[in-house]
Amino acid sequence: MTPNDLVLTPRGVRFRGQLFPCSIGKGGLSNSKREGDGATPTGAHRITGMLYRPDRIATPTFWARAIGPWDLWSDDTSDNNYNRLVSAPYPFSHEKLRRADPLYDLVFITDWNWPNAVAGRGSAIFLHQWRRPGYPTEGCVAFRREHLHWIARKIVPGTRLIIPAV
């Protein structure tokens, strides 16, 4: 591990000398993640991208990409673009990235099951804003808004999210 790693501990995520409370998937941690199980996958996951809502927040860093009104994330295991950013209109099952709530105002994309996705192994493990403290996610790792923005100013592409095996 390096100081640039985000490390999940029983008390939150440790990063750059700070400890940030977080929420994980409603299915807990999993060593064998599956699509739809609500679990957060264990392992070392590189941060491969950062997305943000330009109509709601300032550009967090030069390498962040703005979320447009047509941006979606494919979660359909029968789709050739499974676990990838796609655009509307889209015929396969997907998740909208431009949400009415603030959860995806700032999103870090991990390399979980990417770039060569295996169907059914799980999609879209993001770091994003939580609904409220302790409220579980669908498998992502979620933080308080201010903490997420602090992290955004410090991470770089390739920073790892380390989730110890259970």
C-alpha atoms as a PDB file:
ATOM      1  CA  MET A   1       0.000   0.000   0.000  1.00  0.00           C
ATOM      2  CA  THR A   2       1.009   3.569  -0.651  1.00  0.00           C
ATOM      3  CA  PRO A   3      -0.109   6.925   0.830  1.00  0.00           C
ATOM      4  CA  ASN A   4      -2.067   7.469  -2.398  1.00  0.00           C
ATOM      5  CA  ASP A   5      -4.266   4.410  -1.769  1.00  0.00           C
ATOM      6  CA  LEU A   6      -7.791   4.664  -0.395  1.00  0.00           C
ATOM      7  CA  VAL A   7      -8.025   1.798   2.107  1.00  0.00           C
ATOM      8  CA  LEU A   8     -11.310   0.514   3.513  1.00  0.00           C
ATOM      9  CA  THR A   9     -11.130  -0.210   7.233  1.00  0.00           C
ATOM     10  CA  PRO A  10     -13.892  -1.168   9.702  1.00  0.00           C
ATOM     11  CA  ARG A  11     -14.146   2.544  10.637  1.00  0.00           C
ATOM     12  CA  GLY A  12     -14.153   4.047   7.129  1.00  0.00           C
ATOM     13  CA  VAL A  13     -11.756   4.760   4.289  1.00  0.00           C
ATOM     14  CA  ARG A  14      -8.236   5.870   5.166  1.00  0.00           C
ATOM     15  CA  PHE A  15      -6.573   8.247   2.685  1.00  0.00           C
ATOM     16  CA  ARG A  16      -3.695  10.699   3.003  1.00  0.00           C
ATOM     17  CA  GLY A  17      -3.707  10.591   6.795  1.00  0.00           C
ATOM     18  CA  GLN A  18      -7.464  11.121   7.079  1.00  0.00           C
ATOM     19  CA  LEU A  19     -10.261   8.702   7.951  1.00  0.00           C
ATOM     20  CA  PHE A  20     -13.535   9.180   6.096  1.00  0.00           C
ATOM     21  CA  PRO A  21     -16.770   7.492   7.184  1.00  0.00           C
ATOM     22  CA  CYS A  22     -18.368   5.686   4.261  1.00  0.00           C
ATOM     23  CA  SER A  23     -21.180   3.386   3.231  1.00  0.00           C
ATOM     24  CA  ILE A  24     -20.728   0.151   1.326  1.00  0.00           C
ATOM     25  CA  GLY A  25     -23.085  -2.197  -0.477  1.00  0.00           C
ATOM     26  CA  LYS A  26     -26.212  -3.563   1.181  1.00  0.00           C
ATOM     27  CA  GLY A  27     -24.834  -7.039   0.433  1.00  0.00           C
ATOM     28  CA  GLY A  28     -21.693  -6.331   2.470  1.00  0.00           C
ATOM     29  CA  LEU A  29     -18.254  -7.174   1.128  1.00  0.00           C
ATOM     30  CA  SER A  30     -17.799  -9.994  -1.361  1.00  0.00           C
ATOM     31  CA  ASN A  31     -14.838 -11.967  -2.646  1.00  0.00           C
ATOM     32  CA  SER A  32     -17.045 -13.168  -5.553  1.00  0.00           C
ATOM     33  CA  LYS A  33     -19.113 -10.184  -6.725  1.00  0.00           C
ATOM     34  CA  ARG A  34     -22.126 -10.874  -9.010  1.00  0.00           C
ATOM     35  CA  GLU A  35     -24.395  -8.463 -10.893  1.00  0.00           C
ATOM     36  CA  GLY A  36     -27.297  -7.387  -8.701  1.00  0.00           C
ATOM     37  CA  ASP A  37     -26.032  -8.854  -5.395  1.00  0.00           C
ATOM     38  CA  GLY A  38     -25.632  -5.411  -3.808  1.00  0.00           C
ATOM     39  CA  ALA A  39     -22.155  -6.326  -2.569  1.00  0.00           C
ATOM     40  CA  THR A  40     -18.975  -4.287  -2.641  1.00  0.00           C
ATOM     41  CA  PRO A  41     -16.171  -6.310  -4.250  1.00  0.00           C
ATOM     42  CA  THR A  42     -12.933  -6.890  -2.376  1.00  0.00           C
ATOM     43  CA  GLY A  43      -9.567  -6.295  -4.016  1.00  0.00           C
ATOM     44  CA  ALA A  44      -7.461  -3.402  -5.264  1.00  0.00           C
ATOM     45  CA  HIS A  45      -9.471  -1.278  -7.707  1.00  0.00           C
ATOM     46  CA  ARG A  46      -7.784   1.500  -9.651  1.00  0.00           C
ATOM     47  CA  ILE A  47      -9.548   4.836 -10.128  1.00  0.00           C
ATOM     48  CA  THR A  48      -9.847   5.115 -13.906  1.00  0.00           C
ATOM     49  CA  GLY A  49     -12.014   8.188 -14.254  1.00  0.00           C
ATOM     50  CA  MET A  50     -13.877  11.007 -12.582  1.00  0.00           C
ATOM     51  CA  LEU A  51     -17.273  12.333 -13.673  1.00  0.00           C
ATOM     52  CA  TYR A  52     -19.074  15.445 -12.453  1.00  0.00           C
ATOM     53  CA  ARG A  53     -22.243  17.468 -13.018  1.00  0.00           C
ATOM     54  CA  PRO A  54     -21.085  20.808 -14.502  1.00  0.00           C
ATOM     55  CA  ASP A  55     -24.515  22.336 -13.872  1.00  0.00           C
ATOM     56  CA  ARG A  56     -24.112  21.656 -10.121  1.00  0.00           C
ATOM     57  CA  ILE A  57     -20.408  21.783  -9.222  1.00  0.00           C
ATOM     58  CA  ALA A  58     -17.208  23.335 -10.526  1.00  0.00           C
ATOM     59  CA  THR A  59     -14.730  21.173 -12.408  1.00  0.00           C
ATOM     60  CA  PRO A  60     -13.034  19.213  -9.591  1.00  0.00           C
ATOM     61  CA  THR A  61      -9.768  18.569 -11.480  1.00  0.00           C
ATOM     62  CA  PHE A  62      -8.398  18.888 -14.991  1.00  0.00           C
ATOM     63  CA  TRP A  63      -8.876  15.182 -15.754  1.00  0.00           C
ATOM     64  CA  ALA A  64     -12.547  15.015 -14.740  1.00  0.00           C
ATOM     65  CA  ARG A  65     -15.175  14.540 -17.464  1.00  0.00           C
ATOM     66  CA  ALA A  66     -18.518  16.342 -17.428  1.00  0.00           C
ATOM     67  CA  ILE A  67     -21.663  14.200 -17.221  1.00  0.00           C
ATOM     68  CA  GLY A  68     -23.924  15.087 -20.123  1.00  0.00           C
ATOM     69  CA  PRO A  69     -27.700  14.695 -20.276  1.00  0.00           C
ATOM     70  CA  TRP A  70     -27.395  11.546 -22.420  1.00  0.00           C
ATOM     71  CA  ASP A  71     -24.743   9.727 -20.378  1.00  0.00           C
ATOM     72  CA  LEU A  72     -25.686   6.261 -19.138  1.00  0.00           C
ATOM     73  CA  TRP A  73     -23.881   3.220 -17.722  1.00  0.00           C
ATOM     74  CA  SER A  74     -24.763  -0.173 -19.214  1.00  0.00           C
ATOM     75  CA  ASP A  75     -25.642  -2.834 -16.620  1.00  0.00           C
ATOM     76  CA  ASP A  76     -27.139  -5.358 -19.044  1.00  0.00           C
ATOM     77  CA  THR A  77     -25.162  -8.611 -19.101  1.00  0.00           C
ATOM     78  CA  SER A  78     -26.335  -9.337 -22.671  1.00  0.00           C
ATOM     79  CA  ASP A  79     -24.958  -6.007 -23.949  1.00  0.00           C
ATOM     80  CA  ASN A  80     -21.583  -5.878 -25.727  1.00  0.00           C
ATOM     81  CA  ASN A  81     -21.044  -2.571 -23.881  1.00  0.00           C
ATOM     82  CA  TYR A  82     -21.783  -4.096 -20.467  1.00  0.00           C
ATOM     83  CA  ASN A  83     -20.097  -2.077 -17.673  1.00  0.00           C
ATOM     84  CA  ARG A  84     -19.275   0.852 -19.944  1.00  0.00           C
ATOM     85  CA  LEU A  85     -20.315   4.442 -20.433  1.00  0.00           C
ATOM     86  CA  VAL A  86     -22.954   4.650 -23.188  1.00  0.00           C
ATOM     87  CA  SER A  87     -25.313   7.328 -24.537  1.00  0.00           C
ATOM     88  CA  ALA A  88     -29.091   7.665 -24.708  1.00  0.00           C
ATOM     89  CA  PRO A  89     -31.211   6.564 -26.327  1.00  0.00           C
ATOM     90  CA  TYR A  90     -29.993   3.094 -25.413  1.00  0.00           C
ATOM     91  CA  PRO A  91     -31.896  -0.176 -25.951  1.00  0.00           C
ATOM     92  CA  PHE A  92     -30.235  -2.211 -23.173  1.00  0.00           C
ATOM     93  CA  SER A  93     -30.690  -1.944 -19.398  1.00  0.00           C
ATOM     94  CA  HIS A  94     -28.679   0.959 -18.005  1.00  0.00           C
ATOM     95  CA  GLU A  95     -28.298   3.442 -15.196  1.00  0.00           C
ATOM     96  CA  LYS A  96     -28.670   7.188 -15.785  1.00  0.00           C
ATOM     97  CA  LEU A  97     -25.619   9.139 -14.682  1.00  0.00           C
ATOM     98  CA  ARG A  98     -27.398  12.498 -14.696  1.00  0.00           C
ATOM     99  CA  ARG A  99     -29.632  11.907 -11.681  1.00  0.00           C
ATOM    100  CA  ALA A 100     -32.236  14.164 -10.082  1.00  0.00           C
ATOM    101  CA  ASP A 101     -30.652  13.580  -6.645  1.00  0.00           C
ATOM    102  CA  PRO A 102     -27.046  14.632  -5.849  1.00  0.00           C
ATOM    103  CA  LEU A 103     -25.576  11.113  -5.526  1.00  0.00           C
ATOM    104  CA  TYR A 104     -23.725  11.299  -8.858  1.00  0.00           C
ATOM    105  CA  ASP A 105     -22.800  14.985  -8.843  1.00  0.00           C
ATOM    106  CA  LEU A 106     -19.222  13.704  -8.420  1.00  0.00           C
ATOM    107  CA  VAL A 107     -18.301  10.110  -9.271  1.00  0.00           C
ATOM    108  CA  PHE A 108     -15.021   8.206  -9.338  1.00  0.00           C
ATOM    109  CA  ILE A 109     -15.004   5.231 -11.702  1.00  0.00           C
ATOM    110  CA  THR A 110     -13.086   2.115 -10.665  1.00  0.00           C
ATOM    111  CA  ASP A 111     -11.669  -0.581 -12.904  1.00  0.00           C
ATOM    112  CA  TRP A 112     -13.900  -3.255 -11.334  1.00  0.00           C
ATOM    113  CA  ASN A 113     -14.696  -5.752 -14.131  1.00  0.00           C
ATOM    114  CA  TRP A 114     -13.284  -3.312 -16.680  1.00  0.00           C
ATOM    115  CA  PRO A 115     -12.099  -2.842 -19.428  1.00  0.00           C
ATOM    116  CA  ASN A 116     -12.830  -6.445 -20.445  1.00  0.00           C
ATOM    117  CA  ALA A 117     -16.065  -7.024 -18.560  1.00  0.00           C
ATOM    118  CA  VAL A 118     -17.183 -10.552 -17.736  1.00  0.00           C
ATOM    119  CA  ALA A 119     -20.978 -10.743 -17.991  1.00  0.00           C
ATOM    120  CA  GLY A 120     -22.608 -11.150 -14.589  1.00  0.00           C
ATOM    121  CA  ARG A 121     -19.517 -10.268 -12.552  1.00  0.00           C
ATOM    122  CA  GLY A 122     -20.914  -6.853 -11.647  1.00  0.00           C
ATOM    123  CA  SER A 123     -20.883  -3.378 -13.091  1.00  0.00           C
ATOM    124  CA  ALA A 124     -20.431   0.225 -12.032  1.00  0.00           C
ATOM    125  CA  ILE A 125     -18.475   0.134  -8.806  1.00  0.00           C
ATOM    126  CA  PHE A 126     -18.202   3.853  -8.212  1.00  0.00           C
ATOM    127  CA  LEU A 127     -17.229   6.130  -5.370  1.00  0.00           C
ATOM    128  CA  HIS A 128     -19.987   8.699  -4.964  1.00  0.00           C
ATOM    129  CA  GLN A 129     -21.964  10.768  -2.474  1.00  0.00           C
ATOM    130  CA  TRP A 130     -24.020   8.922   0.139  1.00  0.00           C
ATOM    131  CA  ARG A 131     -27.743   9.362   0.750  1.00  0.00           C
ATOM    132  CA  ARG A 132     -27.109   9.682   4.471  1.00  0.00           C
ATOM    133  CA  PRO A 133     -24.661   8.176   6.985  1.00  0.00           C
ATOM    134  CA  GLY A 134     -24.882   4.395   7.153  1.00  0.00           C
ATOM    135  CA  TYR A 135     -27.353   4.060   4.255  1.00  0.00           C
ATOM    136  CA  PRO A 136     -26.082   1.197   2.075  1.00  0.00           C
ATOM    137  CA  THR A 137     -25.379   1.376  -1.636  1.00  0.00           C
ATOM    138  CA  GLU A 138     -25.947  -1.110  -4.446  1.00  0.00           C
ATOM    139  CA  GLY A 139     -22.250  -2.072  -4.194  1.00  0.00           C
ATOM    140  CA  CYS A 140     -20.458   1.255  -4.533  1.00  0.00           C
ATOM    141  CA  VAL A 141     -18.577   3.087  -1.805  1.00  0.00           C
ATOM    142  CA  ALA A 142     -20.276   6.335  -0.759  1.00  0.00           C
ATOM    143  CA  PHE A 143     -19.069   9.337   1.235  1.00  0.00           C
ATOM    144  CA  ARG A 144     -20.273  12.582   2.730  1.00  0.00           C
ATOM    145  CA  ARG A 145     -20.267  15.287   0.035  1.00  0.00           C
ATOM    146  CA  GLU A 146     -17.471  17.387   1.577  1.00  0.00           C
ATOM    147  CA  HIS A 147     -15.268  14.338   2.017  1.00  0.00           C
ATOM    148  CA  LEU A 148     -15.810  13.218  -1.578  1.00  0.00           C
ATOM    149  CA  HIS A 149     -14.785  16.676  -2.813  1.00  0.00           C
ATOM    150  CA  TRP A 150     -11.698  16.681  -0.568  1.00  0.00           C
ATOM    151  CA  ILE A 151     -10.679  13.289  -1.954  1.00  0.00           C
ATOM    152  CA  ALA A 152     -11.281  14.545  -5.528  1.00  0.00           C
ATOM    153  CA  ARG A 153      -8.655  17.246  -5.041  1.00  0.00           C
ATOM    154  CA  LYS A 154      -6.064  14.670  -3.944  1.00  0.00           C
ATOM    155  CA  ILE A 155      -6.515  11.573  -6.085  1.00  0.00           C
ATOM    156  CA  VAL A 156      -4.963  10.943  -9.467  1.00  0.00           C
ATOM    157  CA  PRO A 157      -5.791   8.399 -12.174  1.00  0.00           C
ATOM    158  CA  GLY A 158      -4.463   5.077 -10.924  1.00  0.00           C
ATOM    159  CA  THR A 159      -5.086   5.783  -7.239  1.00  0.00           C
ATOM    160  CA  ARG A 160      -6.292   2.489  -5.789  1.00  0.00           C
ATOM    161  CA  LEU A 161      -9.306   1.717  -3.647  1.00  0.00           C
ATOM    162  CA  ILE A 162      -8.195  -1.231  -1.530  1.00  0.00           C
ATOM    163  CA  ILE A 163     -10.931  -3.369   0.003  1.00  0.00           C
ATOM    164  CA  PRO A 164      -9.483  -6.217   2.081  1.00  0.00           C
ATOM    165  CA  ALA A 165     -10.798  -9.741   1.458  1.00  0.00           C
ATOM    166  CA  VAL A 166     -13.375 -11.139   3.850  1.00  0.00           C
END
